[in-house]
Amino acid sequence: MESGPCGRQPVVVAEVLIRLERPTSLTPELRAWLRNRVGAGRAVLARGRLNGSGSGALLLRIEVHSDSCDAVHEEVADLMTDLRLLGLRPTLVSEQVV
């Protein structure tokens, strides 16, 4: 990869869509944790339906900015682990690296 403007390292941006099981109570604290965990202004949490998704599914769309594809994959893997620990049963729906 080439250096970005002003000699900075290039930035890899990935848009990731994760399907979550809707918890019985989506508290303000959980919403705040999601926003803080994935970065302010880079997460969108919405109700949605995908093929085979129940009506209670949530879709989490995030952008991951990093300096390499490996770092993006590591960040997404860490997020998926955290979501599993919260009992949200995440499923990676799509990942697009730019």
PDB file of N, CA and C in Angstrom:
ATOM      1  N   MET A   1       0.828  -1.181   0.000  1.00  0.00           N
ATOM      2  CA  MET A   1       0.000   0.000   0.000  1.00  0.00           C
ATOM      3  C   MET A   1       0.870   1.241   0.000  1.00  0.00           C
ATOM      4  N   GLU A   2       0.376   2.280  -0.611  1.00  0.00           N
ATOM      5  CA  GLU A   2       1.105   3.534  -0.642  1.00  0.00           C
ATOM      6  C   GLU A   2       0.732   4.368   0.567  1.00  0.00           C
ATOM      7  N   SER A   3       1.626   5.294   0.902  1.00  0.00           N
ATOM      8  CA  SER A   3       1.329   6.207   1.998  1.00  0.00           C
ATOM      9  C   SER A   3       0.214   7.155   1.589  1.00  0.00           C
ATOM     10  N   GLY A   4      -0.543   7.583   2.593  1.00  0.00           N
ATOM     11  CA  GLY A   4      -1.625   8.521   2.355  1.00  0.00           C
ATOM     12  C   GLY A   4      -1.085   9.931   2.256  1.00  0.00           C
ATOM     13  N   PRO A   5      -1.982  10.934   2.280  1.00  0.00           N
ATOM     14  CA  PRO A   5      -1.577  12.324   2.183  1.00  0.00           C
ATOM     15  C   PRO A   5      -0.621  12.681   3.318  1.00  0.00           C
ATOM     16  N   CYS A   6       0.300  13.544   3.039  1.00  0.00           N
ATOM     17  CA  CYS A   6       1.257  14.049   4.027  1.00  0.00           C
ATOM     18  C   CYS A   6       2.132  12.940   4.593  1.00  0.00           C
ATOM     19  N   GLY A   7       2.330  11.853   3.872  1.00  0.00           N
ATOM     20  CA  GLY A   7       3.212  10.785   4.317  1.00  0.00           C
ATOM     21  C   GLY A   7       2.628   9.892   5.403  1.00  0.00           C
ATOM     22  N   ARG A   8       1.361  10.062   5.743  1.00  0.00           N
ATOM     23  CA  ARG A   8       0.731   9.223   6.763  1.00  0.00           C
ATOM     24  C   ARG A   8       0.493   7.822   6.215  1.00  0.00           C
ATOM     25  N   GLN A   9       0.349   6.886   7.129  1.00  0.00           N
ATOM     26  CA  GLN A   9       0.033   5.517   6.746  1.00  0.00           C
ATOM     27  C   GLN A   9      -1.367   5.473   6.142  1.00  0.00           C
ATOM     28  N   PRO A  10      -1.605   4.591   5.186  1.00  0.00           N
ATOM     29  CA  PRO A  10      -2.940   4.468   4.605  1.00  0.00           C
ATOM     30  C   PRO A  10      -3.928   3.948   5.646  1.00  0.00           C
ATOM     31  N   VAL A  11      -5.180   4.242   5.430  1.00  0.00           N
ATOM     32  CA  VAL A  11      -6.229   3.798   6.338  1.00  0.00           C
ATOM     33  C   VAL A  11      -7.131   2.826   5.599  1.00  0.00           C
ATOM     34  N   VAL A  12      -7.403   1.710   6.226  1.00  0.00           N
ATOM     35  CA  VAL A  12      -8.325   0.718   5.686  1.00  0.00           C
ATOM     36  C   VAL A  12      -9.665   0.937   6.373  1.00  0.00           C
ATOM     37  N   VAL A  13     -10.731   1.025   5.581  1.00  0.00           N
ATOM     38  CA  VAL A  13     -12.071   1.216   6.121  1.00  0.00           C
ATOM     39  C   VAL A  13     -12.902   0.001   5.729  1.00  0.00           C
ATOM     40  N   ALA A  14     -13.551  -0.588   6.720  1.00  0.00           N
ATOM     41  CA  ALA A  14     -14.435  -1.725   6.456  1.00  0.00           C
ATOM     42  C   ALA A  14     -15.817  -1.395   6.997  1.00  0.00           C
ATOM     43  N   GLU A  15     -16.836  -1.650   6.193  1.00  0.00           N
ATOM     44  CA  GLU A  15     -18.204  -1.527   6.665  1.00  0.00           C
ATOM     45  C   GLU A  15     -18.678  -2.937   6.985  1.00  0.00           C
ATOM     46  N   VAL A  16     -19.146  -3.115   8.209  1.00  0.00           N
ATOM     47  CA  VAL A  16     -19.519  -4.436   8.697  1.00  0.00           C
ATOM     48  C   VAL A  16     -20.980  -4.409   9.132  1.00  0.00           C
ATOM     49  N   LEU A  17     -21.729  -5.431   8.753  1.00  0.00           N
ATOM     50  CA  LEU A  17     -23.120  -5.570   9.162  1.00  0.00           C
ATOM     51  C   LEU A  17     -23.223  -6.830  10.011  1.00  0.00           C
ATOM     52  N   ILE A  18     -23.691  -6.648  11.259  1.00  0.00           N
ATOM     53  CA  ILE A  18     -23.797  -7.758  12.209  1.00  0.00           C
ATOM     54  C   ILE A  18     -25.254  -7.885  12.638  1.00  0.00           C
ATOM     55  N   ARG A  19     -25.776  -9.095  12.585  1.00  0.00           N
ATOM     56  CA  ARG A  19     -27.139  -9.370  13.044  1.00  0.00           C
ATOM     57  C   ARG A  19     -27.047  -9.787  14.507  1.00  0.00           C
ATOM     58  N   LEU A  20     -27.918  -9.202  15.344  1.00  0.00           N
ATOM     59  CA  LEU A  20     -27.945  -9.505  16.770  1.00  0.00           C
ATOM     60  C   LEU A  20     -29.322  -9.998  17.169  1.00  0.00           C
ATOM     61  N   GLU A  21     -29.352 -10.894  18.149  1.00  0.00           N
ATOM     62  CA  GLU A  21     -30.631 -11.262  18.751  1.00  0.00           C
ATOM     63  C   GLU A  21     -31.021 -10.126  19.671  1.00  0.00           C
ATOM     64  N   ARG A  22     -32.225  -9.646  19.529  1.00  0.00           N
ATOM     65  CA  ARG A  22     -32.666  -8.523  20.363  1.00  0.00           C
ATOM     66  C   ARG A  22     -32.818  -8.985  21.812  1.00  0.00           C
ATOM     67  N   PRO A  23     -32.122  -8.308  22.728  1.00  0.00           N
ATOM     68  CA  PRO A  23     -32.268  -8.675  24.139  1.00  0.00           C
ATOM     69  C   PRO A  23     -33.662  -8.297  24.640  1.00  0.00           C
ATOM     70  N   THR A  24     -34.078  -8.913  25.739  1.00  0.00           N
ATOM     71  CA  THR A  24     -35.405  -8.606  26.268  1.00  0.00           C
ATOM     72  C   THR A  24     -35.503  -7.138  26.650  1.00  0.00           C
ATOM     73  N   SER A  25     -34.388  -6.552  27.055  1.00  0.00           N
ATOM     74  CA  SER A  25     -34.386  -5.132  27.391  1.00  0.00           C
ATOM     75  C   SER A  25     -33.141  -4.484  26.796  1.00  0.00           C
ATOM     76  N   LEU A  26     -33.344  -3.631  25.820  1.00  0.00           N
ATOM     77  CA  LEU A  26     -32.230  -2.907  25.215  1.00  0.00           C
ATOM     78  C   LEU A  26     -32.094  -1.596  25.990  1.00  0.00           C
ATOM     79  N   THR A  27     -31.316  -1.646  27.047  1.00  0.00           N
ATOM     80  CA  THR A  27     -31.206  -0.523  27.967  1.00  0.00           C
ATOM     81  C   THR A  27     -30.383   0.613  27.369  1.00  0.00           C
ATOM     82  N   PRO A  28     -30.564   1.811  27.889  1.00  0.00           N
ATOM     83  CA  PRO A  28     -29.715   2.929  27.457  1.00  0.00           C
ATOM     84  C   PRO A  28     -28.237   2.644  27.702  1.00  0.00           C
ATOM     85  N   GLU A  29     -27.943   1.897  28.766  1.00  0.00           N
ATOM     86  CA  GLU A  29     -26.554   1.550  29.062  1.00  0.00           C
ATOM     87  C   GLU A  29     -25.953   0.659  27.979  1.00  0.00           C
ATOM     88  N   LEU A  30     -26.742  -0.311  27.502  1.00  0.00           N
ATOM     89  CA  LEU A  30     -26.257  -1.194  26.438  1.00  0.00           C
ATOM     90  C   LEU A  30     -26.077  -0.418  25.140  1.00  0.00           C
ATOM     91  N   ARG A  31     -27.008   0.462  24.818  1.00  0.00           N
ATOM     92  CA  ARG A  31     -26.857   1.303  23.627  1.00  0.00           C
ATOM     93  C   ARG A  31     -25.602   2.168  23.724  1.00  0.00           C
ATOM     94  N   ALA A  32     -25.377   2.764  24.899  1.00  0.00           N
ATOM     95  CA  ALA A  32     -24.181   3.600  25.104  1.00  0.00           C
ATOM     96  C   ALA A  32     -22.920   2.764  24.980  1.00  0.00           C
ATOM     97  N   TRP A  33     -22.932   1.541  25.524  1.00  0.00           N
ATOM     98  CA  TRP A  33     -21.755   0.668  25.428  1.00  0.00           C
ATOM     99  C   TRP A  33     -21.455   0.366  23.963  1.00  0.00           C
ATOM    100  N   LEU A  34     -22.479   0.054  23.181  1.00  0.00           N
ATOM    101  CA  LEU A  34     -22.275  -0.227  21.760  1.00  0.00           C
ATOM    102  C   LEU A  34     -21.670   0.973  21.040  1.00  0.00           C
ATOM    103  N   ARG A  35     -22.221   2.169  21.302  1.00  0.00           N
ATOM    104  CA  ARG A  35     -21.682   3.375  20.666  1.00  0.00           C
ATOM    105  C   ARG A  35     -20.226   3.599  21.059  1.00  0.00           C
ATOM    106  N   ASN A  36     -19.918   3.454  22.338  1.00  0.00           N
ATOM    107  CA  ASN A  36     -18.548   3.673  22.810  1.00  0.00           C
ATOM    108  C   ASN A  36     -17.603   2.585  22.329  1.00  0.00           C
ATOM    109  N   ARG A  37     -18.080   1.360  22.254  1.00  0.00           N
ATOM    110  CA  ARG A  37     -17.225   0.226  21.875  1.00  0.00           C
ATOM    111  C   ARG A  37     -16.767   0.332  20.433  1.00  0.00           C
ATOM    112  N   VAL A  38     -17.651   0.739  19.556  1.00  0.00           N
ATOM    113  CA  VAL A  38     -17.293   0.767  18.140  1.00  0.00           C
ATOM    114  C   VAL A  38     -16.924   2.149  17.637  1.00  0.00           C
ATOM    115  N   GLY A  39     -16.954   3.140  18.504  1.00  0.00           N
ATOM    116  CA  GLY A  39     -16.531   4.485  18.099  1.00  0.00           C
ATOM    117  C   GLY A  39     -17.705   5.398  17.845  1.00  0.00           C
ATOM    118  N   ALA A  40     -17.605   6.561  18.382  1.00  0.00           N
ATOM    119  CA  ALA A  40     -18.692   7.541  18.268  1.00  0.00           C
ATOM    120  C   ALA A  40     -18.977   7.866  16.803  1.00  0.00           C
ATOM    121  N   GLY A  41     -20.242   7.860  16.466  1.00  0.00           N
ATOM    122  CA  GLY A  41     -20.654   8.253  15.129  1.00  0.00           C
ATOM    123  C   GLY A  41     -20.420   7.204  14.060  1.00  0.00           C
ATOM    124  N   ARG A  42     -19.911   6.024  14.443  1.00  0.00           N
ATOM    125  CA  ARG A  42     -19.625   5.021  13.425  1.00  0.00           C
ATOM    126  C   ARG A  42     -20.512   3.797  13.555  1.00  0.00           C
ATOM    127  N   ALA A  43     -21.505   3.827  14.428  1.00  0.00           N
ATOM    128  CA  ALA A  43     -22.371   2.665  14.606  1.00  0.00           C
ATOM    129  C   ALA A  43     -23.823   3.054  14.383  1.00  0.00           C
ATOM    130  N   VAL A  44     -24.541   2.181  13.722  1.00  0.00           N
ATOM    131  CA  VAL A  44     -25.977   2.370  13.528  1.00  0.00           C
ATOM    132  C   VAL A  44     -26.646   1.085  13.970  1.00  0.00           C
ATOM    133  N   LEU A  45     -27.540   1.197  14.928  1.00  0.00           N
ATOM    134  CA  LEU A  45     -28.273   0.048  15.435  1.00  0.00           C
ATOM    135  C   LEU A  45     -29.721   0.209  15.023  1.00  0.00           C
ATOM    136  N   ALA A  46     -30.265  -0.774  14.303  1.00  0.00           N
ATOM    137  CA  ALA A  46     -31.629  -0.655  13.801  1.00  0.00           C
ATOM    138  C   ALA A  46     -32.312  -2.007  13.795  1.00  0.00           C
ATOM    139  N   ARG A  47     -33.624  -1.967  13.883  1.00  0.00           N
ATOM    140  CA  ARG A  47     -34.392  -3.197  13.700  1.00  0.00           C
ATOM    141  C   ARG A  47     -34.378  -3.509  12.222  1.00  0.00           C
ATOM    142  N   GLY A  48     -34.289  -4.769  11.903  1.00  0.00           N
ATOM    143  CA  GLY A  48     -34.280  -5.106  10.492  1.00  0.00           C
ATOM    144  C   GLY A  48     -34.566  -6.562  10.280  1.00  0.00           C
ATOM    145  N   ARG A  49     -34.880  -6.880   9.075  1.00  0.00           N
ATOM    146  CA  ARG A  49     -35.139  -8.258   8.693  1.00  0.00           C
ATOM    147  C   ARG A  49     -34.214  -8.630   7.567  1.00  0.00           C
ATOM    148  N   LEU A  50     -33.571  -9.750   7.742  1.00  0.00           N
ATOM    149  CA  LEU A  50     -32.785 -10.351   6.682  1.00  0.00           C
ATOM    150  C   LEU A  50     -33.405 -11.703   6.396  1.00  0.00           C
ATOM    151  N   ASN A  51     -32.949 -12.357   5.377  1.00  0.00           N
ATOM    152  CA  ASN A  51     -33.463 -13.689   5.073  1.00  0.00           C
ATOM    153  C   ASN A  51     -33.310 -14.579   6.295  1.00  0.00           C
ATOM    154  N   GLY A  52     -34.415 -15.102   6.781  1.00  0.00           N
ATOM    155  CA  GLY A  52     -34.379 -16.005   7.915  1.00  0.00           C
ATOM    156  C   GLY A  52     -34.303 -15.321   9.266  1.00  0.00           C
ATOM    157  N   SER A  53     -34.265 -14.009   9.313  1.00  0.00           N
ATOM    158  CA  SER A  53     -34.207 -13.299  10.579  1.00  0.00           C
ATOM    159  C   SER A  53     -35.599 -13.151  11.154  1.00  0.00           C
ATOM    160  N   GLY A  54     -35.685 -13.306  12.456  1.00  0.00           N
ATOM    161  CA  GLY A  54     -36.942 -13.064  13.123  1.00  0.00           C
ATOM    162  C   GLY A  54     -37.183 -11.575  13.237  1.00  0.00           C
ATOM    163  N   SER A  55     -38.403 -11.226  13.623  1.00  0.00           N
ATOM    164  CA  SER A  55     -38.739  -9.807  13.716  1.00  0.00           C
ATOM    165  C   SER A  55     -38.007  -9.127  14.860  1.00  0.00           C
ATOM    166  N   GLY A  56     -37.452  -9.899  15.795  1.00  0.00           N
ATOM    167  CA  GLY A  56     -36.753  -9.317  16.927  1.00  0.00           C
ATOM    168  C   GLY A  56     -35.277  -9.077  16.683  1.00  0.00           C
ATOM    169  N   ALA A  57     -34.804  -9.315  15.472  1.00  0.00           N
ATOM    170  CA  ALA A  57     -33.382  -9.147  15.180  1.00  0.00           C
ATOM    171  C   ALA A  57     -33.012  -7.672  15.094  1.00  0.00           C
ATOM    172  N   LEU A  58     -31.792  -7.382  15.509  1.00  0.00           N
ATOM    173  CA  LEU A  58     -31.230  -6.047  15.364  1.00  0.00           C
ATOM    174  C   LEU A  58     -30.078  -6.121  14.387  1.00  0.00           C
ATOM    175  N   LEU A  59     -29.894  -5.062  13.620  1.00  0.00           N
ATOM    176  CA  LEU A  59     -28.761  -4.990  12.711  1.00  0.00           C
ATOM    177  C   LEU A  59     -27.833  -3.900  13.211  1.00  0.00           C
ATOM    178  N   LEU A  60     -26.579  -4.242  13.370  1.00  0.00           N
ATOM    179  CA  LEU A  60     -25.557  -3.292  13.800  1.00  0.00           C
ATOM    180  C   LEU A  60     -24.645  -3.062  12.611  1.00  0.00           C
ATOM    181  N   ARG A  61     -24.659  -1.833  12.096  1.00  0.00           N
ATOM    182  CA  ARG A  61     -23.804  -1.470  10.965  1.00  0.00           C
ATOM    183  C   ARG A  61     -22.702  -0.574  11.509  1.00  0.00           C
ATOM    184  N   ILE A  62     -21.459  -0.972  11.299  1.00  0.00           N
ATOM    185  CA  ILE A  62     -20.342  -0.189  11.805  1.00  0.00           C
ATOM    186  C   ILE A  62     -19.308   0.032  10.708  1.00  0.00           C
ATOM    187  N   GLU A  63     -18.523   1.063  10.894  1.00  0.00           N
ATOM    188  CA  GLU A  63     -17.347   1.293  10.064  1.00  0.00           C
ATOM    189  C   GLU A  63     -16.137   1.104  10.952  1.00  0.00           C
ATOM    190  N   VAL A  64     -15.184   0.338  10.469  1.00  0.00           N
ATOM    191  CA  VAL A  64     -13.950   0.099  11.201  1.00  0.00           C
ATOM    192  C   VAL A  64     -12.819   0.754  10.421  1.00  0.00           C
ATOM    193  N   HIS A  65     -12.112   1.676  11.055  1.00  0.00           N
ATOM    194  CA  HIS A  65     -10.983   2.356  10.440  1.00  0.00           C
ATOM    195  C   HIS A  65      -9.717   1.828  11.095  1.00  0.00           C
ATOM    196  N   SER A  66      -8.774   1.387  10.296  1.00  0.00           N
ATOM    197  CA  SER A  66      -7.524   0.881  10.840  1.00  0.00           C
ATOM    198  C   SER A  66      -6.427   1.034   9.808  1.00  0.00           C
ATOM    199  N   ASP A  67      -5.213   0.639  10.191  1.00  0.00           N
ATOM    200  CA  ASP A  67      -4.084   0.815   9.276  1.00  0.00           C
ATOM    201  C   ASP A  67      -3.776  -0.430   8.456  1.00  0.00           C
ATOM    202  N   SER A  68      -4.517  -1.534   8.682  1.00  0.00           N
ATOM    203  CA  SER A  68      -4.290  -2.738   7.880  1.00  0.00           C
ATOM    204  C   SER A  68      -5.531  -3.624   7.902  1.00  0.00           C
ATOM    205  N   CYS A  69      -5.621  -4.505   6.919  1.00  0.00           N
ATOM    206  CA  CYS A  69      -6.746  -5.447   6.871  1.00  0.00           C
ATOM    207  C   CYS A  69      -6.725  -6.384   8.078  1.00  0.00           C
ATOM    208  N   ASP A  70      -5.521  -6.797   8.490  1.00  0.00           N
ATOM    209  CA  ASP A  70      -5.412  -7.683   9.655  1.00  0.00           C
ATOM    210  C   ASP A  70      -5.959  -7.010  10.909  1.00  0.00           C
ATOM    211  N   ALA A  71      -5.666  -5.728  11.082  1.00  0.00           N
ATOM    212  CA  ALA A  71      -6.154  -4.993  12.247  1.00  0.00           C
ATOM    213  C   ALA A  71      -7.672  -4.860  12.213  1.00  0.00           C
ATOM    214  N   VAL A  72      -8.244  -4.674  11.027  1.00  0.00           N
ATOM    215  CA  VAL A  72      -9.701  -4.606  10.892  1.00  0.00           C
ATOM    216  C   VAL A  72     -10.317  -5.932  11.306  1.00  0.00           C
ATOM    217  N   HIS A  73      -9.772  -7.029  10.811  1.00  0.00           N
ATOM    218  CA  HIS A  73     -10.313  -8.354  11.155  1.00  0.00           C
ATOM    219  C   HIS A  73     -10.192  -8.623  12.650  1.00  0.00           C
ATOM    220  N   GLU A  74      -9.096  -8.205  13.255  1.00  0.00           N
ATOM    221  CA  GLU A  74      -8.907  -8.396  14.696  1.00  0.00           C
ATOM    222  C   GLU A  74      -9.929  -7.585  15.493  1.00  0.00           C
ATOM    223  N   GLU A  75     -10.167  -6.349  15.075  1.00  0.00           N
ATOM    224  CA  GLU A  75     -11.141  -5.511  15.774  1.00  0.00           C
ATOM    225  C   GLU A  75     -12.547  -6.089  15.664  1.00  0.00           C
ATOM    226  N   VAL A  76     -12.916  -6.579  14.484  1.00  0.00           N
ATOM    227  CA  VAL A  76     -14.240  -7.178  14.301  1.00  0.00           C
ATOM    228  C   VAL A  76     -14.358  -8.458  15.137  1.00  0.00           C
ATOM    229  N   ALA A  77     -13.313  -9.274  15.172  1.00  0.00           N
ATOM    230  CA  ALA A  77     -13.331 -10.504  15.971  1.00  0.00           C
ATOM    231  C   ALA A  77     -13.496 -10.179  17.455  1.00  0.00           C
ATOM    232  N   ASP A  78     -12.792  -9.150  17.931  1.00  0.00           N
ATOM    233  CA  ASP A  78     -12.922  -8.743  19.336  1.00  0.00           C
ATOM    234  C   ASP A  78     -14.340  -8.270  19.641  1.00  0.00           C
ATOM    235  N   LEU A  79     -14.931  -7.494  18.726  1.00  0.00           N
ATOM    236  CA  LEU A  79     -16.299  -7.020  18.912  1.00  0.00           C
ATOM    237  C   LEU A  79     -17.275  -8.192  18.950  1.00  0.00           C
ATOM    238  N   MET A  80     -17.104  -9.149  18.039  1.00  0.00           N
ATOM    239  CA  MET A  80     -17.987 -10.325  18.015  1.00  0.00           C
ATOM    240  C   MET A  80     -17.898 -11.090  19.331  1.00  0.00           C
ATOM    241  N   THR A  81     -16.699 -11.226  19.886  1.00  0.00           N
ATOM    242  CA  THR A  81     -16.515 -11.908  21.173  1.00  0.00           C
ATOM    243  C   THR A  81     -17.254 -11.167  22.273  1.00  0.00           C
ATOM    244  N   ASP A  82     -17.106  -9.836  22.324  1.00  0.00           N
ATOM    245  CA  ASP A  82     -17.796  -9.044  23.334  1.00  0.00           C
ATOM    246  C   ASP A  82     -19.309  -9.193  23.215  1.00  0.00           C
ATOM    247  N   LEU A  83     -19.827  -9.169  21.984  1.00  0.00           N
ATOM    248  CA  LEU A  83     -21.266  -9.306  21.773  1.00  0.00           C
ATOM    249  C   LEU A  83     -21.761 -10.686  22.206  1.00  0.00           C
ATOM    250  N   ARG A  84     -20.936 -11.721  21.969  1.00  0.00           N
ATOM    251  CA  ARG A  84     -21.310 -13.068  22.433  1.00  0.00           C
ATOM    252  C   ARG A  84     -21.366 -13.117  23.954  1.00  0.00           C
ATOM    253  N   LEU A  85     -20.395 -12.486  24.612  1.00  0.00           N
ATOM    254  CA  LEU A  85     -20.364 -12.471  26.077  1.00  0.00           C
ATOM    255  C   LEU A  85     -21.580 -11.752  26.654  1.00  0.00           C
ATOM    256  N   LEU A  86     -22.138 -10.812  25.911  1.00  0.00           N
ATOM    257  CA  LEU A  86     -23.349 -10.114  26.336  1.00  0.00           C
ATOM    258  C   LEU A  86     -24.619 -10.901  26.012  1.00  0.00           C
ATOM    259  N   GLY A  87     -24.466 -12.054  25.355  1.00  0.00           N
ATOM    260  CA  GLY A  87     -25.610 -12.894  25.040  1.00  0.00           C
ATOM    261  C   GLY A  87     -26.405 -12.446  23.834  1.00  0.00           C
ATOM    262  N   LEU A  88     -25.801 -11.639  22.957  1.00  0.00           N
ATOM    263  CA  LEU A  88     -26.524 -11.099  21.807  1.00  0.00           C
ATOM    264  C   LEU A  88     -26.463 -11.995  20.570  1.00  0.00           C
ATOM    265  N   ARG A  89     -25.734 -13.092  20.647  1.00  0.00           N
ATOM    266  CA  ARG A  89     -25.627 -14.069  19.563  1.00  0.00           C
ATOM    267  C   ARG A  89     -25.392 -13.414  18.201  1.00  0.00           C
ATOM    268  N   PRO A  90     -24.273 -12.724  18.040  1.00  0.00           N
ATOM    269  CA  PRO A  90     -24.011 -12.016  16.779  1.00  0.00           C
ATOM    270  C   PRO A  90     -23.721 -12.950  15.622  1.00  0.00           C
ATOM    271  N   THR A  91     -24.117 -12.527  14.430  1.00  0.00           N
ATOM    272  CA  THR A  91     -23.809 -13.220  13.196  1.00  0.00           C
ATOM    273  C   THR A  91     -23.292 -12.186  12.213  1.00  0.00           C
ATOM    274  N   LEU A  92     -22.109 -12.422  11.666  1.00  0.00           N
ATOM    275  CA  LEU A  92     -21.553 -11.510  10.679  1.00  0.00           C
ATOM    276  C   LEU A  92     -22.302 -11.699   9.374  1.00  0.00           C
ATOM    277  N   VAL A  93     -22.971 -10.652   8.919  1.00  0.00           N
ATOM    278  CA  VAL A  93     -23.783 -10.715   7.706  1.00  0.00           C
ATOM    279  C   VAL A  93     -22.957 -10.337   6.493  1.00  0.00           C
ATOM    280  N   SER A  94     -22.193  -9.245   6.609  1.00  0.00           N
ATOM    281  CA  SER A  94     -21.355  -8.838   5.498  1.00  0.00           C
ATOM    282  C   SER A  94     -20.202  -7.988   6.008  1.00  0.00           C
ATOM    283  N   GLU A  95     -19.143  -8.000   5.221  1.00  0.00           N
ATOM    284  CA  GLU A  95     -17.980  -7.189   5.532  1.00  0.00           C
ATOM    285  C   GLU A  95     -17.408  -6.702   4.214  1.00  0.00           C
ATOM    286  N   GLN A  96     -17.296  -5.403   4.073  1.00  0.00           N
ATOM    287  CA  GLN A  96     -16.788  -4.820   2.839  1.00  0.00           C
ATOM    288  C   GLN A  96     -15.579  -3.961   3.194  1.00  0.00           C
ATOM    289  N   VAL A  97     -14.435  -4.319   2.658  1.00  0.00           N
ATOM    290  CA  VAL A  97     -13.213  -3.576   2.926  1.00  0.00           C
ATOM    291  C   VAL A  97     -12.951  -2.627   1.772  1.00  0.00           C
ATOM    292  N   VAL A  98     -12.701  -1.363   2.102  1.00  0.00           N
ATOM    293  CA  VAL A  98     -12.444  -0.327   1.107  1.00  0.00           C
ATOM    294  C   VAL A  98     -10.987   0.037   1.150  1.00  0.00           C
TER     295      VAL A  98
END
